Amino acid sequence: MSHQSHHELEGRLNAHRKVLATLLAWAMRQPGNDLARQIETGTCVQDHGEDPGAIPDPAFVIEAAAAHETQLLLERAKVLGTGT
């Protein structure tokens, strides 16, 4: 794969976010679908530590960023699903 600039990668990620949010919105409108609930239950990050310290573990940072991104996608999908 060729080298991509930060801006190109950000553009690609934004496109993925738009597509995923649209697909989630559609799926969440289907009768009896509990997709949002299933996704939301997987976004809680627990490190089971008393004090994470000044510098969090890199694995925790990645997991927390993924959980945050999932929450943002769900929020966008809900907005798209309600037409607002």
PDB file of N, CA and C in Angstrom:
ATOM      1  N   MET A   1       0.840  -1.176   0.000  1.00  0.00           N
ATOM      2  CA  MET A   1       0.000   0.000   0.000  1.00  0.00           C
ATOM      3  C   MET A   1       0.881   1.233   0.000  1.00  0.00           C
ATOM      4  N   SER A   2       0.536   2.193  -0.820  1.00  0.00           N
ATOM      5  CA  SER A   2       1.342   3.402  -0.907  1.00  0.00           C
ATOM      6  C   SER A   2       1.162   4.270   0.337  1.00  0.00           C
ATOM      7  N   HIS A   3       2.136   5.112   0.559  1.00  0.00           N
ATOM      8  CA  HIS A   3       2.107   6.016   1.698  1.00  0.00           C
ATOM      9  C   HIS A   3       0.984   7.029   1.523  1.00  0.00           C
ATOM     10  N   GLN A   4       0.212   7.231   2.572  1.00  0.00           N
ATOM     11  CA  GLN A   4      -0.880   8.203   2.530  1.00  0.00           C
ATOM     12  C   GLN A   4      -0.630   9.276   3.573  1.00  0.00           C
ATOM     13  N   SER A   5      -0.996  10.487   3.230  1.00  0.00           N
ATOM     14  CA  SER A   5      -0.814  11.581   4.171  1.00  0.00           C
ATOM     15  C   SER A   5      -1.852  11.482   5.287  1.00  0.00           C
ATOM     16  N   HIS A   6      -1.610  12.212   6.335  1.00  0.00           N
ATOM     17  CA  HIS A   6      -2.537  12.284   7.460  1.00  0.00           C
ATOM     18  C   HIS A   6      -3.921  12.724   6.973  1.00  0.00           C
ATOM     19  N   HIS A   7      -3.966  13.678   6.071  1.00  0.00           N
ATOM     20  CA  HIS A   7      -5.237  14.190   5.555  1.00  0.00           C
ATOM     21  C   HIS A   7      -5.981  13.134   4.738  1.00  0.00           C
ATOM     22  N   GLU A   8      -5.245  12.365   3.957  1.00  0.00           N
ATOM     23  CA  GLU A   8      -5.881  11.298   3.174  1.00  0.00           C
ATOM     24  C   GLU A   8      -6.464  10.222   4.086  1.00  0.00           C
ATOM     25  N   LEU A   9      -5.710   9.847   5.109  1.00  0.00           N
ATOM     26  CA  LEU A   9      -6.209   8.853   6.052  1.00  0.00           C
ATOM     27  C   LEU A   9      -7.427   9.366   6.808  1.00  0.00           C
ATOM     28  N   GLU A  10      -7.391  10.616   7.202  1.00  0.00           N
ATOM     29  CA  GLU A  10      -8.541  11.202   7.898  1.00  0.00           C
ATOM     30  C   GLU A  10      -9.768  11.233   6.993  1.00  0.00           C
ATOM     31  N   GLY A  11      -9.568  11.550   5.730  1.00  0.00           N
ATOM     32  CA  GLY A  11     -10.671  11.547   4.775  1.00  0.00           C
ATOM     33  C   GLY A  11     -11.273  10.165   4.616  1.00  0.00           C
ATOM     34  N   ARG A  12     -10.428   9.164   4.537  1.00  0.00           N
ATOM     35  CA  ARG A  12     -10.917   7.788   4.412  1.00  0.00           C
ATOM     36  C   ARG A  12     -11.679   7.359   5.663  1.00  0.00           C
ATOM     37  N   LEU A  13     -11.149   7.699   6.843  1.00  0.00           N
ATOM     38  CA  LEU A  13     -11.850   7.376   8.085  1.00  0.00           C
ATOM     39  C   LEU A  13     -13.205   8.079   8.155  1.00  0.00           C
ATOM     40  N   ASN A  14     -13.254   9.324   7.726  1.00  0.00           N
ATOM     41  CA  ASN A  14     -14.528  10.048   7.725  1.00  0.00           C
ATOM     42  C   ASN A  14     -15.541   9.370   6.807  1.00  0.00           C
ATOM     43  N   ALA A  15     -15.096   8.900   5.656  1.00  0.00           N
ATOM     44  CA  ALA A  15     -15.990   8.195   4.735  1.00  0.00           C
ATOM     45  C   ALA A  15     -16.510   6.915   5.381  1.00  0.00           C
ATOM     46  N   HIS A  16     -15.639   6.188   6.068  1.00  0.00           N
ATOM     47  CA  HIS A  16     -16.060   4.960   6.752  1.00  0.00           C
ATOM     48  C   HIS A  16     -17.084   5.275   7.831  1.00  0.00           C
ATOM     49  N   ARG A  17     -16.851   6.359   8.574  1.00  0.00           N
ATOM     50  CA  ARG A  17     -17.792   6.756   9.620  1.00  0.00           C
ATOM     51  C   ARG A  17     -19.165   7.047   9.037  1.00  0.00           C
ATOM     52  N   LYS A  18     -19.200   7.772   7.928  1.00  0.00           N
ATOM     53  CA  LYS A  18     -20.481   8.114   7.303  1.00  0.00           C
ATOM     54  C   LYS A  18     -21.220   6.864   6.855  1.00  0.00           C
ATOM     55  N   VAL A  19     -20.506   5.952   6.217  1.00  0.00           N
ATOM     56  CA  VAL A  19     -21.133   4.721   5.734  1.00  0.00           C
ATOM     57  C   VAL A  19     -21.625   3.880   6.916  1.00  0.00           C
ATOM     58  N   LEU A  20     -20.790   3.712   7.934  1.00  0.00           N
ATOM     59  CA  LEU A  20     -21.182   2.914   9.091  1.00  0.00           C
ATOM     60  C   LEU A  20     -22.383   3.517   9.810  1.00  0.00           C
ATOM     61  N   ALA A  21     -22.383   4.827   9.998  1.00  0.00           N
ATOM     62  CA  ALA A  21     -23.503   5.476  10.676  1.00  0.00           C
ATOM     63  C   ALA A  21     -24.785   5.298   9.872  1.00  0.00           C
ATOM     64  N   THR A  22     -24.699   5.404   8.556  1.00  0.00           N
ATOM     65  CA  THR A  22     -25.877   5.220   7.707  1.00  0.00           C
ATOM     66  C   THR A  22     -26.387   3.788   7.796  1.00  0.00           C
ATOM     67  N   LEU A  23     -25.486   2.817   7.736  1.00  0.00           N
ATOM     68  CA  LEU A  23     -25.881   1.417   7.862  1.00  0.00           C
ATOM     69  C   LEU A  23     -26.473   1.118   9.237  1.00  0.00           C
ATOM     70  N   LEU A  24     -25.871   1.666  10.288  1.00  0.00           N
ATOM     71  CA  LEU A  24     -26.406   1.465  11.630  1.00  0.00           C
ATOM     72  C   LEU A  24     -27.790   2.073  11.762  1.00  0.00           C
ATOM     73  N   ALA A  25     -27.968   3.278  11.224  1.00  0.00           N
ATOM     74  CA  ALA A  25     -29.275   3.930  11.290  1.00  0.00           C
ATOM     75  C   ALA A  25     -30.325   3.073  10.610  1.00  0.00           C
ATOM     76  N   TRP A  26     -30.013   2.540   9.451  1.00  0.00           N
ATOM     77  CA  TRP A  26     -30.947   1.687   8.730  1.00  0.00           C
ATOM     78  C   TRP A  26     -31.263   0.427   9.541  1.00  0.00           C
ATOM     79  N   ALA A  27     -30.227  -0.227  10.060  1.00  0.00           N
ATOM     80  CA  ALA A  27     -30.421  -1.463  10.811  1.00  0.00           C
ATOM     81  C   ALA A  27     -31.234  -1.222  12.079  1.00  0.00           C
ATOM     82  N   MET A  28     -31.013  -0.085  12.736  1.00  0.00           N
ATOM     83  CA  MET A  28     -31.720   0.211  13.974  1.00  0.00           C
ATOM     84  C   MET A  28     -33.201   0.505  13.724  1.00  0.00           C
ATOM     85  N   ARG A  29     -33.567   0.877  12.507  1.00  0.00           N
ATOM     86  CA  ARG A  29     -34.974   1.136  12.180  1.00  0.00           C
ATOM     87  C   ARG A  29     -35.747  -0.146  11.897  1.00  0.00           C
ATOM     88  N   GLN A  30     -35.065  -1.256  11.750  1.00  0.00           N
ATOM     89  CA  GLN A  30     -35.734  -2.520  11.434  1.00  0.00           C
ATOM     90  C   GLN A  30     -36.477  -3.032  12.670  1.00  0.00           C
ATOM     91  N   PRO A  31     -37.709  -3.509  12.482  1.00  0.00           N
ATOM     92  CA  PRO A  31     -38.505  -3.987  13.613  1.00  0.00           C
ATOM     93  C   PRO A  31     -37.790  -5.090  14.400  1.00  0.00           C
ATOM     94  N   GLY A  32     -37.831  -4.960  15.720  1.00  0.00           N
ATOM     95  CA  GLY A  32     -37.257  -5.981  16.590  1.00  0.00           C
ATOM     96  C   GLY A  32     -35.744  -6.005  16.643  1.00  0.00           C
ATOM     97  N   ASN A  33     -35.096  -5.009  16.073  1.00  0.00           N
ATOM     98  CA  ASN A  33     -33.633  -5.006  16.023  1.00  0.00           C
ATOM     99  C   ASN A  33     -33.079  -4.389  17.304  1.00  0.00           C
ATOM    100  N   ASP A  34     -32.195  -5.090  17.969  1.00  0.00           N
ATOM    101  CA  ASP A  34     -31.562  -4.559  19.179  1.00  0.00           C
ATOM    102  C   ASP A  34     -30.063  -4.334  18.960  1.00  0.00           C
ATOM    103  N   LEU A  35     -29.722  -4.007  17.728  1.00  0.00           N
ATOM    104  CA  LEU A  35     -28.319  -3.806  17.362  1.00  0.00           C
ATOM    105  C   LEU A  35     -27.661  -2.717  18.210  1.00  0.00           C
ATOM    106  N   ALA A  36     -28.346  -1.589  18.399  1.00  0.00           N
ATOM    107  CA  ALA A  36     -27.760  -0.495  19.180  1.00  0.00           C
ATOM    108  C   ALA A  36     -27.438  -0.958  20.597  1.00  0.00           C
ATOM    109  N   ARG A  37     -28.360  -1.695  21.221  1.00  0.00           N
ATOM    110  CA  ARG A  37     -28.129  -2.182  22.586  1.00  0.00           C
ATOM    111  C   ARG A  37     -26.935  -3.133  22.618  1.00  0.00           C
ATOM    112  N   GLN A  38     -26.859  -4.005  21.630  1.00  0.00           N
ATOM    113  CA  GLN A  38     -25.753  -4.951  21.574  1.00  0.00           C
ATOM    114  C   GLN A  38     -24.421  -4.226  21.425  1.00  0.00           C
ATOM    115  N   ILE A  39     -24.401  -3.206  20.595  1.00  0.00           N
ATOM    116  CA  ILE A  39     -23.159  -2.454  20.388  1.00  0.00           C
ATOM    117  C   ILE A  39     -22.809  -1.656  21.632  1.00  0.00           C
ATOM    118  N   GLU A  40     -23.819  -1.024  22.242  1.00  0.00           N
ATOM    119  CA  GLU A  40     -23.570  -0.207  23.432  1.00  0.00           C
ATOM    120  C   GLU A  40     -23.004  -1.028  24.583  1.00  0.00           C
ATOM    121  N   THR A  41     -23.423  -2.276  24.725  1.00  0.00           N
ATOM    122  CA  THR A  41     -22.916  -3.092  25.829  1.00  0.00           C
ATOM    123  C   THR A  41     -21.438  -3.430  25.644  1.00  0.00           C
ATOM    124  N   GLY A  42     -20.933  -3.327  24.443  1.00  0.00           N
ATOM    125  CA  GLY A  42     -19.530  -3.615  24.193  1.00  0.00           C
ATOM    126  C   GLY A  42     -18.625  -2.409  24.221  1.00  0.00           C
ATOM    127  N   THR A  43     -19.158  -1.223  24.575  1.00  0.00           N
ATOM    128  CA  THR A  43     -18.335  -0.016  24.516  1.00  0.00           C
ATOM    129  C   THR A  43     -17.820   0.439  25.871  1.00  0.00           C
ATOM    130  N   CYS A  44     -18.168  -0.247  26.928  1.00  0.00           N
ATOM    131  CA  CYS A  44     -17.714   0.142  28.261  1.00  0.00           C
ATOM    132  C   CYS A  44     -16.304  -0.399  28.480  1.00  0.00           C
ATOM    133  N   VAL A  45     -15.379   0.503  28.761  1.00  0.00           N
ATOM    134  CA  VAL A  45     -13.982   0.103  28.986  1.00  0.00           C
ATOM    135  C   VAL A  45     -13.722   0.096  30.474  1.00  0.00           C
ATOM    136  N   GLN A  46     -13.228  -1.021  30.967  1.00  0.00           N
ATOM    137  CA  GLN A  46     -12.875  -1.145  32.374  1.00  0.00           C
ATOM    138  C   GLN A  46     -11.432  -1.585  32.477  1.00  0.00           C
ATOM    139  N   ASP A  47     -10.661  -0.854  33.275  1.00  0.00           N
ATOM    140  CA  ASP A  47      -9.258  -1.242  33.429  1.00  0.00           C
ATOM    141  C   ASP A  47      -9.010  -1.967  34.741  1.00  0.00           C
ATOM    142  N   HIS A  48     -10.009  -2.007  35.621  1.00  0.00           N
ATOM    143  CA  HIS A  48      -9.933  -2.707  36.898  1.00  0.00           C
ATOM    144  C   HIS A  48      -8.723  -2.273  37.728  1.00  0.00           C
ATOM    145  N   GLY A  49      -8.293  -1.064  37.547  1.00  0.00           N
ATOM    146  CA  GLY A  49      -7.184  -0.538  38.338  1.00  0.00           C
ATOM    147  C   GLY A  49      -7.668   0.594  39.222  1.00  0.00           C
ATOM    148  N   GLU A  50      -7.020   0.766  40.354  1.00  0.00           N
ATOM    149  CA  GLU A  50      -7.418   1.828  41.252  1.00  0.00           C
ATOM    150  C   GLU A  50      -6.944   3.186  40.750  1.00  0.00           C
ATOM    151  N   ASP A  51      -5.734   3.245  40.241  1.00  0.00           N
ATOM    152  CA  ASP A  51      -5.173   4.502  39.776  1.00  0.00           C
ATOM    153  C   ASP A  51      -4.420   4.226  38.479  1.00  0.00           C
ATOM    154  N   PRO A  52      -4.935   4.762  37.336  1.00  0.00           N
ATOM    155  CA  PRO A  52      -4.258   4.469  36.072  1.00  0.00           C
ATOM    156  C   PRO A  52      -2.911   5.161  35.930  1.00  0.00           C
ATOM    157  N   GLY A  53      -2.606   6.099  36.817  1.00  0.00           N
ATOM    158  CA  GLY A  53      -1.334   6.801  36.731  1.00  0.00           C
ATOM    159  C   GLY A  53      -1.398   7.949  35.737  1.00  0.00           C
ATOM    160  N   ALA A  54      -0.293   8.654  35.637  1.00  0.00           N
ATOM    161  CA  ALA A  54      -0.241   9.824  34.766  1.00  0.00           C
ATOM    162  C   ALA A  54      -0.207   9.441  33.292  1.00  0.00           C
ATOM    163  N   ILE A  55       0.404   8.296  32.996  1.00  0.00           N
ATOM    164  CA  ILE A  55       0.519   7.844  31.609  1.00  0.00           C
ATOM    165  C   ILE A  55      -0.226   6.526  31.479  1.00  0.00           C
ATOM    166  N   PRO A  56      -1.407   6.570  30.810  1.00  0.00           N
ATOM    167  CA  PRO A  56      -2.163   5.321  30.679  1.00  0.00           C
ATOM    168  C   PRO A  56      -1.453   4.311  29.790  1.00  0.00           C
ATOM    169  N   ASP A  57      -1.731   3.047  30.040  1.00  0.00           N
ATOM    170  CA  ASP A  57      -1.183   1.968  29.238  1.00  0.00           C
ATOM    171  C   ASP A  57      -1.653   2.129  27.792  1.00  0.00           C
ATOM    172  N   PRO A  58      -0.756   1.957  26.801  1.00  0.00           N
ATOM    173  CA  PRO A  58      -1.149   2.128  25.398  1.00  0.00           C
ATOM    174  C   PRO A  58      -2.339   1.264  24.983  1.00  0.00           C
ATOM    175  N   ALA A  59      -2.418   0.051  25.499  1.00  0.00           N
ATOM    176  CA  ALA A  59      -3.547  -0.819  25.156  1.00  0.00           C
ATOM    177  C   ALA A  59      -4.856  -0.220  25.648  1.00  0.00           C
ATOM    178  N   PHE A  60      -4.833   0.381  26.828  1.00  0.00           N
ATOM    179  CA  PHE A  60      -6.036   1.017  27.367  1.00  0.00           C
ATOM    180  C   PHE A  60      -6.418   2.224  26.525  1.00  0.00           C
ATOM    181  N   VAL A  61      -5.443   2.998  26.076  1.00  0.00           N
ATOM    182  CA  VAL A  61      -5.716   4.170  25.248  1.00  0.00           C
ATOM    183  C   VAL A  61      -6.402   3.747  23.953  1.00  0.00           C
ATOM    184  N   ILE A  62      -5.925   2.686  23.335  1.00  0.00           N
ATOM    185  CA  ILE A  62      -6.517   2.193  22.082  1.00  0.00           C
ATOM    186  C   ILE A  62      -7.936   1.708  22.327  1.00  0.00           C
ATOM    187  N   GLU A  63      -8.138   0.951  23.388  1.00  0.00           N
ATOM    188  CA  GLU A  63      -9.467   0.427  23.703  1.00  0.00           C
ATOM    189  C   GLU A  63     -10.442   1.557  24.030  1.00  0.00           C
ATOM    190  N   ALA A  64      -9.985   2.543  24.780  1.00  0.00           N
ATOM    191  CA  ALA A  64     -10.839   3.684  25.122  1.00  0.00           C
ATOM    192  C   ALA A  64     -11.191   4.492  23.870  1.00  0.00           C
ATOM    193  N   ALA A  65     -10.237   4.667  22.970  1.00  0.00           N
ATOM    194  CA  ALA A  65     -10.501   5.395  21.721  1.00  0.00           C
ATOM    195  C   ALA A  65     -11.512   4.640  20.864  1.00  0.00           C
ATOM    196  N   ALA A  66     -11.404   3.327  20.820  1.00  0.00           N
ATOM    197  CA  ALA A  66     -12.354   2.514  20.059  1.00  0.00           C
ATOM    198  C   ALA A  66     -13.753   2.622  20.660  1.00  0.00           C
ATOM    199  N   ALA A  67     -13.851   2.582  21.983  1.00  0.00           N
ATOM    200  CA  ALA A  67     -15.150   2.711  22.641  1.00  0.00           C
ATOM    201  C   ALA A  67     -15.759   4.083  22.369  1.00  0.00           C
ATOM    202  N   HIS A  68     -14.924   5.119  22.420  1.00  0.00           N
ATOM    203  CA  HIS A  68     -15.401   6.477  22.146  1.00  0.00           C
ATOM    204  C   HIS A  68     -15.891   6.609  20.702  1.00  0.00           C
ATOM    205  N   GLU A  69     -15.156   6.063  19.777  1.00  0.00           N
ATOM    206  CA  GLU A  69     -15.544   6.112  18.362  1.00  0.00           C
ATOM    207  C   GLU A  69     -16.859   5.367  18.144  1.00  0.00           C
ATOM    208  N   THR A  70     -17.025   4.233  18.799  1.00  0.00           N
ATOM    209  CA  THR A  70     -18.273   3.477  18.681  1.00  0.00           C
ATOM    210  C   THR A  70     -19.441   4.293  19.202  1.00  0.00           C
ATOM    211  N   GLN A  71     -19.255   4.968  20.337  1.00  0.00           N
ATOM    212  CA  GLN A  71     -20.320   5.816  20.883  1.00  0.00           C
ATOM    213  C   GLN A  71     -20.675   6.939  19.912  1.00  0.00           C
ATOM    214  N   LEU A  72     -19.671   7.551  19.301  1.00  0.00           N
ATOM    215  CA  LEU A  72     -19.925   8.613  18.328  1.00  0.00           C
ATOM    216  C   LEU A  72     -20.703   8.083  17.134  1.00  0.00           C
ATOM    217  N   LEU A  73     -20.351   6.894  16.658  1.00  0.00           N
ATOM    218  CA  LEU A  73     -21.070   6.285  15.531  1.00  0.00           C
ATOM    219  C   LEU A  73     -22.526   6.009  15.899  1.00  0.00           C
ATOM    220  N   LEU A  74     -22.756   5.484  17.099  1.00  0.00           N
ATOM    221  CA  LEU A  74     -24.122   5.210  17.532  1.00  0.00           C
ATOM    222  C   LEU A  74     -24.936   6.495  17.651  1.00  0.00           C
ATOM    223  N   GLU A  75     -24.322   7.531  18.201  1.00  0.00           N
ATOM    224  CA  GLU A  75     -25.021   8.814  18.325  1.00  0.00           C
ATOM    225  C   GLU A  75     -25.403   9.350  16.950  1.00  0.00           C
ATOM    226  N   ARG A  76     -24.488   9.288  16.001  1.00  0.00           N
ATOM    227  CA  ARG A  76     -24.764   9.760  14.651  1.00  0.00           C
ATOM    228  C   ARG A  76     -25.848   8.914  13.996  1.00  0.00           C
ATOM    229  N   ALA A  77     -25.796   7.605  14.193  1.00  0.00           N
ATOM    230  CA  ALA A  77     -26.801   6.711  13.617  1.00  0.00           C
ATOM    231  C   ALA A  77     -28.178   7.026  14.183  1.00  0.00           C
ATOM    232  N   LYS A  78     -28.252   7.322  15.475  1.00  0.00           N
ATOM    233  CA  LYS A  78     -29.542   7.664  16.094  1.00  0.00           C
ATOM    234  C   LYS A  78     -30.103   8.956  15.503  1.00  0.00           C
ATOM    235  N   VAL A  79     -29.222   9.933  15.279  1.00  0.00           N
ATOM    236  CA  VAL A  79     -29.667  11.189  14.667  1.00  0.00           C
ATOM    237  C   VAL A  79     -30.169  10.923  13.243  1.00  0.00           C
ATOM    238  N   LEU A  80     -29.429  10.151  12.493  1.00  0.00           N
ATOM    239  CA  LEU A  80     -29.846   9.819  11.124  1.00  0.00           C
ATOM    240  C   LEU A  80     -31.159   9.035  11.120  1.00  0.00           C
ATOM    241  N   GLY A  81     -31.326   8.178  12.099  1.00  0.00           N
ATOM    242  CA  GLY A  81     -32.523   7.355  12.178  1.00  0.00           C
ATOM    243  C   GLY A  81     -33.784   8.121  12.513  1.00  0.00           C
ATOM    244  N   THR A  82     -33.619   9.240  13.215  1.00  0.00           N
ATOM    245  CA  THR A  82     -34.779  10.043  13.574  1.00  0.00           C
ATOM    246  C   THR A  82     -35.045  11.139  12.558  1.00  0.00           C
ATOM    247  N   GLY A  83     -34.124  11.300  11.611  1.00  0.00           N
ATOM    248  CA  GLY A  83     -34.305  12.306  10.576  1.00  0.00           C
ATOM    249  C   GLY A  83     -34.046  13.722  11.020  1.00  0.00           C
ATOM    250  N   THR A  84     -33.350  13.911  12.169  1.00  0.00           N
ATOM    251  CA  THR A  84     -33.049  15.265  12.632  1.00  0.00           C
ATOM    252  C   THR A  84     -31.645  15.662  12.298  1.00  0.00           C
TER     253      THR A  84
END
